[in-house]
Amino acid sequence: MLERSIVARATGLLRRAVVAVSRLLVCGKIPVHYRHKPMLHLTQSSLWNNWRFVIQDASGTRLGEILAPMWTQATNSRLKLARQDAVAAHMNLPGGEHVIRFEYLRRGWTNDVAWWLESPEGEMLARIERVYPQAAKALSCHYLRLPDLGELLITSARTLKPFDAVLRLANGQQVLRISTPGRFLLRLDLVVQGEYGSVAQRAFFAYYALHQR
């Protein structure tokens, strides 16, 4: 039993090391830490509701909410749902209703997908593309296309560690950190640190990161 436990632990450590090295090679250097005061919270409204998230500032003041439909579909989905607009979520803010959409860039064993945020007037405010490089199909990279060029580096997706991601611009500047305050949460809560972009854009980045956990 002791030998099996040692082998299992060694195998787990080796697997995590391989994933970490693969991310370094494919998606670039992952920063060790990023210190900044909390600026925004995206919190699940209740334990039983996974389609409504509340947007709050650092003081707990409610700024708006994100509402996702029961069934989401891509703008270029092959199967269109009747009488429903192709949206991923609606973001309600004092300035009006923003819309989050997504589309497939490439279909296959792994799908390349683009997510973007539209203003109440229909202008595209932010866009991120999830791409699977051919060299490592099991790992995805997340490229920022709007409002600037950059990359969202996710350090701990689908592990027991608290979720942690950093938005880094093309010039190397780290402008946002998106993380969870703990490992086990009754309600999902993402903390956005940094002042990059508007409230709508920061909430969009957090909502996108939420779907990459």
N, C-alpha and C. Protein backbone atom coordinates (compact mmCIF):
# COMPACT_ATOMS: atom_id res chain seq x y z
N MET A 1 0.83 -1.21 0.00
CA MET A 1 0.00 0.00 0.00
C MET A 1 0.86 1.25 0.00
N LEU A 2 1.93 1.23 0.78
CA LEU A 2 2.81 2.40 0.85
C LEU A 2 3.47 2.65 -0.49
N GLU A 3 3.91 1.57 -1.17
CA GLU A 3 4.55 1.73 -2.47
C GLU A 3 3.57 2.30 -3.49
N ARG A 4 2.33 1.82 -3.46
CA ARG A 4 1.32 2.35 -4.39
C ARG A 4 1.07 3.83 -4.14
N SER A 5 1.02 4.21 -2.87
CA SER A 5 0.79 5.62 -2.54
C SER A 5 1.93 6.49 -3.05
N ILE A 6 3.15 6.02 -2.88
CA ILE A 6 4.31 6.78 -3.35
C ILE A 6 4.30 6.90 -4.87
N VAL A 7 3.99 5.81 -5.54
CA VAL A 7 3.94 5.82 -7.01
C VAL A 7 2.84 6.76 -7.51
N ALA A 8 1.66 6.71 -6.86
CA ALA A 8 0.55 7.58 -7.27
C ALA A 8 0.90 9.04 -7.07
N ARG A 9 1.55 9.37 -5.95
CA ARG A 9 1.93 10.76 -5.70
C ARG A 9 2.98 11.22 -6.70
N ALA A 10 3.96 10.36 -6.98
CA ALA A 10 5.00 10.72 -7.94
C ALA A 10 4.42 10.91 -9.33
N THR A 11 3.45 10.07 -9.70
CA THR A 11 2.80 10.20 -11.00
C THR A 11 2.03 11.51 -11.11
N GLY A 12 1.33 11.88 -10.04
CA GLY A 12 0.60 13.15 -10.04
C GLY A 12 1.52 14.35 -10.17
N LEU A 13 2.64 14.32 -9.44
CA LEU A 13 3.60 15.42 -9.53
C LEU A 13 4.20 15.52 -10.93
N LEU A 14 4.51 14.37 -11.52
CA LEU A 14 5.07 14.37 -12.87
C LEU A 14 4.06 14.90 -13.88
N ARG A 15 2.78 14.53 -13.73
CA ARG A 15 1.76 15.00 -14.65
C ARG A 15 1.61 16.52 -14.57
N ARG A 16 1.60 17.06 -13.35
CA ARG A 16 1.48 18.52 -13.20
C ARG A 16 2.70 19.23 -13.77
N ALA A 17 3.89 18.63 -13.60
CA ALA A 17 5.10 19.23 -14.15
C ALA A 17 5.06 19.27 -15.67
N VAL A 18 4.57 18.19 -16.29
CA VAL A 18 4.48 18.13 -17.75
C VAL A 18 3.52 19.19 -18.27
N VAL A 19 2.38 19.35 -17.60
CA VAL A 19 1.40 20.36 -18.02
C VAL A 19 1.98 21.76 -17.89
N ALA A 20 2.70 22.03 -16.78
CA ALA A 20 3.28 23.35 -16.57
C ALA A 20 4.33 23.66 -17.63
N VAL A 21 5.21 22.69 -17.91
CA VAL A 21 6.24 22.90 -18.93
C VAL A 21 5.61 23.08 -20.30
N SER A 22 4.58 22.31 -20.61
CA SER A 22 3.90 22.44 -21.91
C SER A 22 3.30 23.82 -22.08
N ARG A 23 2.70 24.35 -21.02
CA ARG A 23 2.12 25.69 -21.10
C ARG A 23 3.22 26.72 -21.32
N LEU A 24 4.36 26.56 -20.68
CA LEU A 24 5.47 27.49 -20.88
C LEU A 24 5.92 27.48 -22.33
N LEU A 25 6.02 26.30 -22.94
CA LEU A 25 6.50 26.18 -24.30
C LEU A 25 5.49 26.68 -25.31
N VAL A 26 4.19 26.45 -25.05
CA VAL A 26 3.16 26.78 -26.02
C VAL A 26 2.65 28.20 -25.86
N CYS A 27 2.33 28.60 -24.64
CA CYS A 27 1.64 29.87 -24.41
C CYS A 27 2.56 30.97 -23.87
N GLY A 28 3.82 30.68 -23.63
CA GLY A 28 4.72 31.71 -23.15
C GLY A 28 4.91 31.66 -21.65
N LYS A 29 5.72 32.57 -21.14
CA LYS A 29 6.07 32.58 -19.73
C LYS A 29 4.88 32.98 -18.87
N ILE A 30 4.62 32.23 -17.82
CA ILE A 30 3.53 32.52 -16.89
C ILE A 30 4.08 33.27 -15.70
N PRO A 31 3.59 34.45 -15.39
CA PRO A 31 4.12 35.21 -14.26
C PRO A 31 3.87 34.51 -12.94
N VAL A 32 4.79 34.67 -12.01
CA VAL A 32 4.68 34.01 -10.71
C VAL A 32 3.63 34.69 -9.86
N HIS A 33 3.59 36.01 -9.84
CA HIS A 33 2.61 36.71 -9.02
C HIS A 33 2.31 38.06 -9.65
N TYR A 34 1.21 38.65 -9.22
CA TYR A 34 0.80 39.95 -9.73
C TYR A 34 0.00 40.63 -8.63
N ARG A 35 0.56 41.65 -8.04
CA ARG A 35 -0.07 42.31 -6.89
C ARG A 35 -0.82 43.56 -7.35
N HIS A 36 -2.07 43.65 -6.95
CA HIS A 36 -2.88 44.83 -7.23
C HIS A 36 -4.11 44.78 -6.36
N LYS A 37 -4.67 45.93 -6.04
CA LYS A 37 -5.87 45.97 -5.22
C LYS A 37 -7.07 45.46 -6.01
N PRO A 38 -7.99 44.73 -5.35
CA PRO A 38 -9.19 44.25 -6.05
C PRO A 38 -10.01 45.43 -6.57
N MET A 39 -10.47 45.31 -7.80
CA MET A 39 -11.26 46.37 -8.40
C MET A 39 -12.68 45.90 -8.77
N LEU A 40 -12.86 44.60 -8.94
CA LEU A 40 -14.13 44.11 -9.43
C LEU A 40 -14.36 42.67 -8.97
N HIS A 41 -15.62 42.33 -8.70
CA HIS A 41 -16.00 40.96 -8.35
C HIS A 41 -17.09 40.50 -9.30
N LEU A 42 -16.96 39.26 -9.77
CA LEU A 42 -18.02 38.61 -10.54
C LEU A 42 -18.44 37.39 -9.73
N THR A 43 -19.64 37.46 -9.14
CA THR A 43 -20.06 36.46 -8.15
C THR A 43 -21.36 35.79 -8.58
N GLN A 44 -21.40 34.50 -8.42
CA GLN A 44 -22.62 33.73 -8.69
C GLN A 44 -23.72 34.20 -7.75
N SER A 45 -24.91 34.45 -8.29
CA SER A 45 -25.98 35.04 -7.50
C SER A 45 -26.44 34.12 -6.38
N SER A 46 -26.46 32.81 -6.64
CA SER A 46 -26.84 31.86 -5.62
C SER A 46 -26.22 30.51 -5.94
N LEU A 47 -26.24 29.63 -4.96
CA LEU A 47 -25.66 28.31 -5.13
C LEU A 47 -26.40 27.51 -6.21
N TRP A 48 -27.69 27.80 -6.40
CA TRP A 48 -28.52 27.00 -7.30
C TRP A 48 -28.69 27.65 -8.66
N ASN A 49 -28.14 28.83 -8.85
CA ASN A 49 -28.32 29.55 -10.11
C ASN A 49 -26.96 29.75 -10.77
N ASN A 50 -26.72 29.02 -11.84
CA ASN A 50 -25.44 29.09 -12.54
C ASN A 50 -25.54 29.95 -13.80
N TRP A 51 -26.63 30.70 -13.95
CA TRP A 51 -26.84 31.51 -15.15
C TRP A 51 -26.89 33.00 -14.83
N ARG A 52 -26.73 33.36 -13.57
CA ARG A 52 -26.80 34.78 -13.19
C ARG A 52 -25.62 35.12 -12.30
N PHE A 53 -24.86 36.15 -12.71
CA PHE A 53 -23.69 36.59 -11.96
C PHE A 53 -23.80 38.09 -11.69
N VAL A 54 -23.46 38.46 -10.47
CA VAL A 54 -23.55 39.85 -10.04
C VAL A 54 -22.18 40.50 -10.18
N ILE A 55 -22.16 41.72 -10.71
CA ILE A 55 -20.93 42.50 -10.85
C ILE A 55 -20.88 43.53 -9.72
N GLN A 56 -19.82 43.49 -8.92
CA GLN A 56 -19.66 44.39 -7.78
C GLN A 56 -18.27 45.02 -7.81
N ASP A 57 -18.17 46.21 -7.22
CA ASP A 57 -16.84 46.82 -7.09
C ASP A 57 -16.19 46.34 -5.80
N ALA A 58 -15.02 46.89 -5.48
CA ALA A 58 -14.25 46.42 -4.32
C ALA A 58 -14.99 46.64 -3.01
N SER A 59 -15.86 47.67 -2.95
CA SER A 59 -16.60 47.96 -1.72
C SER A 59 -17.87 47.14 -1.57
N GLY A 60 -18.21 46.34 -2.60
CA GLY A 60 -19.43 45.54 -2.55
C GLY A 60 -20.63 46.20 -3.20
N THR A 61 -20.43 47.39 -3.79
CA THR A 61 -21.53 48.07 -4.46
C THR A 61 -21.89 47.35 -5.76
N ARG A 62 -23.15 47.10 -5.94
CA ARG A 62 -23.62 46.38 -7.12
C ARG A 62 -23.54 47.30 -8.34
N LEU A 63 -22.88 46.84 -9.39
CA LEU A 63 -22.72 47.62 -10.62
C LEU A 63 -23.60 47.10 -11.75
N GLY A 64 -23.94 45.84 -11.69
CA GLY A 64 -24.74 45.25 -12.76
C GLY A 64 -24.79 43.74 -12.60
N GLU A 65 -25.16 43.07 -13.67
CA GLU A 65 -25.25 41.61 -13.63
C GLU A 65 -25.08 41.04 -15.03
N ILE A 66 -24.73 39.76 -15.08
CA ILE A 66 -24.63 39.02 -16.33
C ILE A 66 -25.64 37.88 -16.29
N LEU A 67 -26.49 37.82 -17.28
CA LEU A 67 -27.54 36.80 -17.36
C LEU A 67 -27.29 35.94 -18.59
N ALA A 68 -27.16 34.65 -18.38
CA ALA A 68 -26.96 33.71 -19.49
C ALA A 68 -28.25 32.95 -19.77
N PRO A 69 -28.59 32.71 -21.02
CA PRO A 69 -29.79 31.92 -21.32
C PRO A 69 -29.59 30.46 -20.95
N MET A 70 -30.67 29.75 -20.85
CA MET A 70 -30.58 28.33 -20.53
C MET A 70 -29.80 27.57 -21.59
N TRP A 71 -29.99 27.96 -22.86
CA TRP A 71 -29.28 27.33 -23.97
C TRP A 71 -28.54 28.41 -24.73
N THR A 72 -27.23 28.26 -24.86
CA THR A 72 -26.43 29.21 -25.62
C THR A 72 -26.05 28.59 -26.96
N GLN A 73 -25.82 29.46 -27.94
CA GLN A 73 -25.42 28.97 -29.25
C GLN A 73 -24.48 29.96 -29.90
N ALA A 74 -23.60 29.44 -30.75
CA ALA A 74 -22.65 30.28 -31.47
C ALA A 74 -23.36 31.01 -32.61
N THR A 75 -22.76 32.12 -33.03
CA THR A 75 -23.36 32.87 -34.13
C THR A 75 -23.32 32.08 -35.43
N ASN A 76 -22.36 31.16 -35.55
CA ASN A 76 -22.28 30.32 -36.75
C ASN A 76 -22.62 28.86 -36.42
N SER A 77 -23.49 28.67 -35.45
CA SER A 77 -23.90 27.33 -35.06
C SER A 77 -24.62 26.63 -36.22
N ARG A 78 -24.37 25.35 -36.38
CA ARG A 78 -25.01 24.59 -37.45
C ARG A 78 -26.48 24.33 -37.15
N LEU A 79 -26.80 24.21 -35.86
CA LEU A 79 -28.17 23.98 -35.45
C LEU A 79 -28.68 25.23 -34.74
N LYS A 80 -29.57 25.96 -35.39
CA LYS A 80 -30.09 27.20 -34.84
C LYS A 80 -31.31 26.90 -33.97
N LEU A 81 -31.31 27.51 -32.77
CA LEU A 81 -32.46 27.38 -31.89
C LEU A 81 -33.51 28.39 -32.32
N ALA A 82 -34.72 27.94 -32.44
CA ALA A 82 -35.81 28.78 -32.96
C ALA A 82 -36.10 29.93 -32.00
N ARG A 83 -36.34 31.11 -32.57
CA ARG A 83 -36.78 32.29 -31.83
C ARG A 83 -35.81 32.68 -30.71
N GLN A 84 -34.54 32.48 -30.96
CA GLN A 84 -33.56 32.89 -29.96
C GLN A 84 -32.34 33.47 -30.66
N ASP A 85 -31.92 34.64 -30.18
CA ASP A 85 -30.74 35.27 -30.73
C ASP A 85 -29.50 34.49 -30.32
N ALA A 86 -28.49 34.49 -31.16
CA ALA A 86 -27.26 33.74 -30.87
C ALA A 86 -26.40 34.54 -29.90
N VAL A 87 -26.65 34.37 -28.62
CA VAL A 87 -25.90 35.08 -27.59
C VAL A 87 -25.41 34.09 -26.55
N ALA A 88 -24.30 34.46 -25.91
CA ALA A 88 -23.79 33.67 -24.78
C ALA A 88 -24.29 34.22 -23.47
N ALA A 89 -24.49 35.55 -23.40
CA ALA A 89 -24.98 36.17 -22.17
C ALA A 89 -25.33 37.62 -22.44
N HIS A 90 -26.18 38.17 -21.56
CA HIS A 90 -26.52 39.59 -21.56
C HIS A 90 -25.90 40.24 -20.33
N MET A 91 -25.24 41.36 -20.52
CA MET A 91 -24.63 42.09 -19.41
C MET A 91 -25.39 43.39 -19.21
N ASN A 92 -26.06 43.50 -18.07
CA ASN A 92 -26.86 44.70 -17.77
C ASN A 92 -26.06 45.64 -16.88
N LEU A 93 -25.78 46.83 -17.41
CA LEU A 93 -25.04 47.87 -16.69
C LEU A 93 -25.82 49.17 -16.79
N PRO A 94 -25.50 50.17 -15.94
CA PRO A 94 -26.22 51.44 -16.01
C PRO A 94 -26.16 52.09 -17.39
N GLY A 95 -25.10 51.83 -18.15
CA GLY A 95 -24.99 52.42 -19.48
C GLY A 95 -25.79 51.72 -20.55
N GLY A 96 -26.43 50.62 -20.20
CA GLY A 96 -27.23 49.88 -21.18
C GLY A 96 -26.89 48.40 -21.17
N GLU A 97 -27.56 47.66 -22.04
CA GLU A 97 -27.36 46.21 -22.10
C GLU A 97 -26.29 45.86 -23.12
N HIS A 98 -25.22 45.24 -22.63
CA HIS A 98 -24.16 44.71 -23.48
C HIS A 98 -24.46 43.24 -23.79
N VAL A 99 -23.89 42.75 -24.86
CA VAL A 99 -24.13 41.36 -25.28
C VAL A 99 -22.79 40.65 -25.45
N ILE A 100 -22.73 39.41 -24.96
CA ILE A 100 -21.56 38.56 -25.13
C ILE A 100 -21.92 37.48 -26.15
N ARG A 101 -21.09 37.33 -27.16
CA ARG A 101 -21.33 36.34 -28.20
C ARG A 101 -20.07 35.50 -28.42
N PHE A 102 -20.24 34.38 -29.13
CA PHE A 102 -19.07 33.58 -29.50
C PHE A 102 -19.34 32.89 -30.83
N GLU A 103 -18.25 32.48 -31.50
CA GLU A 103 -18.34 31.78 -32.76
C GLU A 103 -17.20 30.77 -32.86
N TYR A 104 -17.41 29.76 -33.68
CA TYR A 104 -16.37 28.75 -33.92
C TYR A 104 -15.44 29.24 -35.03
N LEU A 105 -14.15 29.20 -34.75
CA LEU A 105 -13.15 29.53 -35.77
C LEU A 105 -12.69 28.29 -36.51
N ARG A 106 -12.65 27.17 -35.80
CA ARG A 106 -12.26 25.89 -36.38
C ARG A 106 -12.91 24.78 -35.58
N ARG A 107 -13.49 23.83 -36.28
CA ARG A 107 -14.13 22.69 -35.63
C ARG A 107 -13.27 21.45 -35.81
N GLY A 108 -13.24 20.62 -34.78
CA GLY A 108 -12.46 19.40 -34.83
C GLY A 108 -12.53 18.69 -33.50
N TRP A 109 -11.51 17.87 -33.22
CA TRP A 109 -11.44 17.20 -31.93
C TRP A 109 -11.40 18.22 -30.81
N THR A 110 -10.70 19.34 -31.07
CA THR A 110 -10.72 20.51 -30.19
C THR A 110 -11.17 21.69 -31.03
N ASN A 111 -12.02 22.54 -30.48
CA ASN A 111 -12.60 23.65 -31.23
C ASN A 111 -11.89 24.96 -30.87
N ASP A 112 -11.51 25.71 -31.91
CA ASP A 112 -11.04 27.08 -31.70
C ASP A 112 -12.27 27.99 -31.68
N VAL A 113 -12.36 28.83 -30.65
CA VAL A 113 -13.55 29.65 -30.43
C VAL A 113 -13.16 31.09 -30.16
N ALA A 114 -13.93 32.02 -30.67
CA ALA A 114 -13.74 33.45 -30.40
C ALA A 114 -14.93 33.97 -29.60
N TRP A 115 -14.64 34.70 -28.53
CA TRP A 115 -15.66 35.36 -27.71
C TRP A 115 -15.48 36.87 -27.85
N TRP A 116 -16.59 37.61 -27.87
CA TRP A 116 -16.47 39.06 -27.92
C TRP A 116 -17.62 39.73 -27.18
N LEU A 117 -17.39 41.00 -26.87
CA LEU A 117 -18.35 41.83 -26.14
C LEU A 117 -18.83 42.95 -27.04
N GLU A 118 -20.16 43.11 -27.11
CA GLU A 118 -20.76 44.17 -27.91
C GLU A 118 -21.40 45.22 -27.01
N SER A 119 -21.25 46.48 -27.40
CA SER A 119 -21.87 47.58 -26.68
C SER A 119 -23.36 47.63 -27.00
N PRO A 120 -24.14 48.45 -26.27
CA PRO A 120 -25.57 48.58 -26.60
C PRO A 120 -25.81 49.04 -28.05
N GLU A 121 -24.82 49.71 -28.64
CA GLU A 121 -24.95 50.16 -30.02
C GLU A 121 -24.46 49.11 -31.02
N GLY A 122 -23.96 47.98 -30.53
CA GLY A 122 -23.50 46.93 -31.43
C GLY A 122 -22.02 46.98 -31.75
N GLU A 123 -21.28 47.89 -31.13
CA GLU A 123 -19.84 47.99 -31.38
C GLU A 123 -19.09 46.90 -30.62
N MET A 124 -18.10 46.29 -31.24
CA MET A 124 -17.29 45.27 -30.58
C MET A 124 -16.27 45.96 -29.67
N LEU A 125 -16.36 45.69 -28.36
CA LEU A 125 -15.51 46.35 -27.38
C LEU A 125 -14.32 45.49 -26.97
N ALA A 126 -14.45 44.18 -27.02
CA ALA A 126 -13.37 43.28 -26.61
C ALA A 126 -13.56 41.96 -27.32
N ARG A 127 -12.42 41.28 -27.56
CA ARG A 127 -12.47 39.99 -28.25
C ARG A 127 -11.29 39.13 -27.80
N ILE A 128 -11.58 37.86 -27.47
CA ILE A 128 -10.56 36.90 -27.10
C ILE A 128 -10.78 35.63 -27.92
N GLU A 129 -9.67 35.05 -28.39
CA GLU A 129 -9.75 33.83 -29.18
C GLU A 129 -9.03 32.70 -28.45
N ARG A 130 -9.73 31.59 -28.27
CA ARG A 130 -9.14 30.38 -27.70
C ARG A 130 -8.68 29.49 -28.83
N VAL A 131 -7.36 29.26 -28.90
CA VAL A 131 -6.76 28.54 -30.01
C VAL A 131 -5.97 27.36 -29.47
N TYR A 132 -6.09 26.22 -30.14
CA TYR A 132 -5.30 25.03 -29.81
C TYR A 132 -4.18 24.90 -30.83
N PRO A 133 -2.94 25.20 -30.46
CA PRO A 133 -1.82 25.04 -31.40
C PRO A 133 -1.65 23.58 -31.80
N GLN A 134 -1.17 23.38 -33.02
CA GLN A 134 -1.00 22.03 -33.52
C GLN A 134 0.04 21.25 -32.73
N ALA A 135 1.01 21.97 -32.13
CA ALA A 135 2.09 21.30 -31.41
C ALA A 135 1.61 20.67 -30.10
N ALA A 136 0.52 21.18 -29.55
CA ALA A 136 0.01 20.64 -28.27
C ALA A 136 -1.50 20.79 -28.27
N LYS A 137 -2.19 19.85 -28.88
CA LYS A 137 -3.63 19.95 -29.07
C LYS A 137 -4.40 19.87 -27.76
N ALA A 138 -3.76 19.36 -26.71
CA ALA A 138 -4.47 19.24 -25.43
C ALA A 138 -4.46 20.55 -24.66
N LEU A 139 -3.63 21.52 -25.06
CA LEU A 139 -3.52 22.78 -24.35
C LEU A 139 -4.00 23.91 -25.24
N SER A 140 -4.66 24.88 -24.65
CA SER A 140 -5.19 26.00 -25.41
C SER A 140 -4.50 27.28 -25.00
N CYS A 141 -4.40 28.21 -25.95
CA CYS A 141 -3.89 29.55 -25.70
C CYS A 141 -5.04 30.53 -25.91
N HIS A 142 -5.00 31.63 -25.18
CA HIS A 142 -6.10 32.60 -25.19
C HIS A 142 -5.55 33.96 -25.60
N TYR A 143 -5.82 34.36 -26.84
CA TYR A 143 -5.23 35.56 -27.41
C TYR A 143 -6.22 36.72 -27.38
N LEU A 144 -5.79 37.84 -26.84
CA LEU A 144 -6.59 39.06 -26.82
C LEU A 144 -6.42 39.77 -28.16
N ARG A 145 -7.55 40.08 -28.81
CA ARG A 145 -7.53 40.78 -30.11
C ARG A 145 -8.03 42.21 -29.99
N LEU A 146 -8.94 42.45 -29.08
CA LEU A 146 -9.47 43.79 -28.82
C LEU A 146 -9.68 43.94 -27.32
N PRO A 147 -9.49 45.13 -26.76
CA PRO A 147 -9.15 46.41 -27.39
C PRO A 147 -7.67 46.55 -27.74
N ASP A 148 -6.82 45.64 -27.28
CA ASP A 148 -5.40 45.62 -27.62
C ASP A 148 -5.00 44.19 -27.93
N LEU A 149 -3.78 44.03 -28.41
CA LEU A 149 -3.24 42.69 -28.62
C LEU A 149 -2.58 42.22 -27.34
N GLY A 150 -2.79 40.95 -26.99
CA GLY A 150 -2.20 40.41 -25.78
C GLY A 150 -2.57 38.95 -25.63
N GLU A 151 -2.48 38.46 -24.39
CA GLU A 151 -2.73 37.04 -24.12
C GLU A 151 -3.22 36.88 -22.69
N LEU A 152 -4.19 36.01 -22.51
CA LEU A 152 -4.67 35.64 -21.19
C LEU A 152 -3.97 34.35 -20.78
N LEU A 153 -3.12 34.43 -19.76
CA LEU A 153 -2.35 33.28 -19.30
C LEU A 153 -3.06 32.66 -18.11
N ILE A 154 -3.52 31.44 -18.27
CA ILE A 154 -4.24 30.73 -17.21
C ILE A 154 -3.28 29.71 -16.59
N THR A 155 -3.09 29.81 -15.29
CA THR A 155 -2.07 29.00 -14.64
C THR A 155 -2.61 27.74 -13.99
N SER A 156 -3.88 27.70 -13.66
CA SER A 156 -4.35 26.58 -12.85
C SER A 156 -5.76 26.13 -13.24
N ALA A 157 -6.06 26.12 -14.51
CA ALA A 157 -7.39 25.67 -14.94
C ALA A 157 -7.51 24.16 -14.76
N ARG A 158 -8.69 23.73 -14.32
CA ARG A 158 -9.02 22.30 -14.16
C ARG A 158 -8.06 21.58 -13.22
N THR A 159 -7.65 22.23 -12.16
CA THR A 159 -6.86 21.59 -11.11
C THR A 159 -7.52 21.91 -9.78
N LEU A 160 -6.98 21.33 -8.70
CA LEU A 160 -7.51 21.60 -7.37
C LEU A 160 -7.03 22.93 -6.81
N LYS A 161 -6.09 23.58 -7.49
CA LYS A 161 -5.60 24.86 -7.02
C LYS A 161 -6.62 25.96 -7.32
N PRO A 162 -6.59 27.07 -6.56
CA PRO A 162 -7.46 28.19 -6.89
C PRO A 162 -7.19 28.70 -8.30
N PHE A 163 -8.25 29.09 -9.00
CA PHE A 163 -8.10 29.57 -10.37
C PHE A 163 -7.29 30.87 -10.38
N ASP A 164 -6.39 30.99 -11.35
CA ASP A 164 -5.55 32.18 -11.44
C ASP A 164 -5.22 32.42 -12.91
N ALA A 165 -5.41 33.65 -13.36
CA ALA A 165 -5.10 34.03 -14.74
C ALA A 165 -4.60 35.46 -14.77
N VAL A 166 -3.74 35.77 -15.73
CA VAL A 166 -3.18 37.11 -15.89
C VAL A 166 -3.36 37.55 -17.34
N LEU A 167 -3.84 38.78 -17.53
CA LEU A 167 -3.95 39.35 -18.87
C LEU A 167 -2.70 40.17 -19.14
N ARG A 168 -1.94 39.75 -20.14
CA ARG A 168 -0.68 40.40 -20.48
C ARG A 168 -0.76 40.96 -21.89
N LEU A 169 -0.42 42.25 -22.05
CA LEU A 169 -0.45 42.87 -23.37
C LEU A 169 0.76 42.45 -24.19
N ALA A 170 0.74 42.80 -25.48
CA ALA A 170 1.81 42.39 -26.37
C ALA A 170 3.16 43.01 -25.98
N ASN A 171 3.13 44.15 -25.30
CA ASN A 171 4.38 44.79 -24.87
C ASN A 171 4.94 44.19 -23.58
N GLY A 172 4.28 43.15 -23.06
CA GLY A 172 4.75 42.49 -21.85
C GLY A 172 4.14 43.02 -20.57
N GLN A 173 3.35 44.08 -20.64
CA GLN A 173 2.74 44.66 -19.45
C GLN A 173 1.59 43.79 -18.95
N GLN A 174 1.60 43.47 -17.66
CA GLN A 174 0.53 42.70 -17.03
C GLN A 174 -0.50 43.67 -16.47
N VAL A 175 -1.70 43.67 -17.03
CA VAL A 175 -2.67 44.70 -16.72
C VAL A 175 -3.83 44.21 -15.85
N LEU A 176 -4.12 42.91 -15.86
CA LEU A 176 -5.23 42.38 -15.06
C LEU A 176 -4.85 41.02 -14.49
N ARG A 177 -5.37 40.76 -13.31
CA ARG A 177 -5.30 39.41 -12.74
C ARG A 177 -6.71 38.97 -12.39
N ILE A 178 -7.08 37.76 -12.77
CA ILE A 178 -8.39 37.19 -12.50
C ILE A 178 -8.18 35.92 -11.69
N SER A 179 -8.76 35.85 -10.50
CA SER A 179 -8.50 34.72 -9.62
C SER A 179 -9.70 34.45 -8.73
N THR A 180 -9.70 33.28 -8.11
CA THR A 180 -10.69 32.95 -7.09
C THR A 180 -10.06 33.11 -5.72
N PRO A 181 -10.82 33.55 -4.72
CA PRO A 181 -10.24 33.78 -3.38
C PRO A 181 -9.88 32.51 -2.63
N GLY A 182 -10.36 31.35 -3.08
CA GLY A 182 -10.07 30.11 -2.37
C GLY A 182 -10.19 28.91 -3.28
N ARG A 183 -9.90 27.74 -2.73
CA ARG A 183 -9.93 26.51 -3.52
C ARG A 183 -11.34 25.96 -3.65
N PHE A 184 -12.08 25.91 -2.55
CA PHE A 184 -13.44 25.35 -2.57
C PHE A 184 -14.42 26.46 -2.20
N LEU A 185 -15.34 26.76 -3.13
CA LEU A 185 -16.31 27.84 -2.94
C LEU A 185 -17.72 27.30 -3.14
N LEU A 186 -18.63 27.71 -2.24
CA LEU A 186 -20.03 27.34 -2.42
C LEU A 186 -20.64 28.09 -3.61
N ARG A 187 -20.21 29.34 -3.77
CA ARG A 187 -20.63 30.13 -4.92
C ARG A 187 -19.38 30.60 -5.66
N LEU A 188 -19.43 30.54 -6.99
CA LEU A 188 -18.29 30.99 -7.78
C LEU A 188 -18.07 32.48 -7.58
N ASP A 189 -16.83 32.86 -7.36
CA ASP A 189 -16.48 34.26 -7.15
C ASP A 189 -15.14 34.52 -7.80
N LEU A 190 -15.14 35.38 -8.82
CA LEU A 190 -13.90 35.75 -9.49
C LEU A 190 -13.55 37.19 -9.11
N VAL A 191 -12.31 37.39 -8.72
CA VAL A 191 -11.81 38.70 -8.34
C VAL A 191 -10.95 39.23 -9.48
N VAL A 192 -11.27 40.43 -9.96
CA VAL A 192 -10.51 41.07 -11.03
C VAL A 192 -9.69 42.19 -10.42
N GLN A 193 -8.37 42.10 -10.55
CA GLN A 193 -7.46 43.10 -10.01
C GLN A 193 -6.80 43.85 -11.16
N GLY A 194 -6.84 45.17 -11.09
CA GLY A 194 -6.27 46.01 -12.14
C GLY A 194 -7.31 46.99 -12.65
N GLU A 195 -6.85 48.00 -13.37
CA GLU A 195 -7.72 49.06 -13.86
C GLU A 195 -7.79 49.09 -15.38
N TYR A 196 -7.37 48.02 -16.03
CA TYR A 196 -7.36 48.01 -17.50
C TYR A 196 -8.79 47.89 -18.03
N GLY A 197 -9.14 48.76 -18.97
CA GLY A 197 -10.44 48.68 -19.62
C GLY A 197 -11.57 49.23 -18.77
N SER A 198 -12.77 49.16 -19.31
CA SER A 198 -13.97 49.62 -18.62
C SER A 198 -14.52 48.51 -17.72
N VAL A 199 -15.54 48.84 -16.94
CA VAL A 199 -16.19 47.84 -16.10
C VAL A 199 -16.75 46.71 -16.97
N ALA A 200 -17.36 47.06 -18.09
CA ALA A 200 -17.92 46.04 -18.99
C ALA A 200 -16.83 45.12 -19.53
N GLN A 201 -15.70 45.69 -19.91
CA GLN A 201 -14.61 44.87 -20.45
C GLN A 201 -14.00 43.97 -19.40
N ARG A 202 -13.80 44.49 -18.18
CA ARG A 202 -13.23 43.65 -17.12
C ARG A 202 -14.19 42.53 -16.73
N ALA A 203 -15.48 42.83 -16.69
CA ALA A 203 -16.47 41.78 -16.39
C ALA A 203 -16.50 40.73 -17.50
N PHE A 204 -16.34 41.18 -18.74
CA PHE A 204 -16.29 40.23 -19.86
C PHE A 204 -15.08 39.31 -19.76
N PHE A 205 -13.92 39.86 -19.44
CA PHE A 205 -12.73 39.03 -19.29
C PHE A 205 -12.93 37.99 -18.18
N ALA A 206 -13.56 38.41 -17.09
CA ALA A 206 -13.81 37.47 -15.98
C ALA A 206 -14.81 36.40 -16.40
N TYR A 207 -15.84 36.78 -17.13
CA TYR A 207 -16.84 35.81 -17.56
C TYR A 207 -16.23 34.81 -18.55
N TYR A 208 -15.36 35.31 -19.43
CA TYR A 208 -14.67 34.40 -20.35
C TYR A 208 -13.79 33.43 -19.57
N ALA A 209 -13.01 33.96 -18.61
CA ALA A 209 -12.13 33.10 -17.81
C ALA A 209 -12.94 32.06 -17.03
N LEU A 210 -14.14 32.44 -16.60
CA LEU A 210 -15.02 31.53 -15.88
C LEU A 210 -15.30 30.27 -16.69
N HIS A 211 -15.43 30.42 -18.00
CA HIS A 211 -15.75 29.28 -18.86
C HIS A 211 -14.51 28.50 -19.28
N GLN A 212 -13.35 28.91 -18.81
CA GLN A 212 -12.12 28.17 -19.11
C GLN A 212 -11.62 27.43 -17.87
N ARG A 213 -12.40 27.40 -16.78
CA ARG A 213 -11.99 26.74 -15.55
C ARG A 213 -11.98 25.22 -15.74
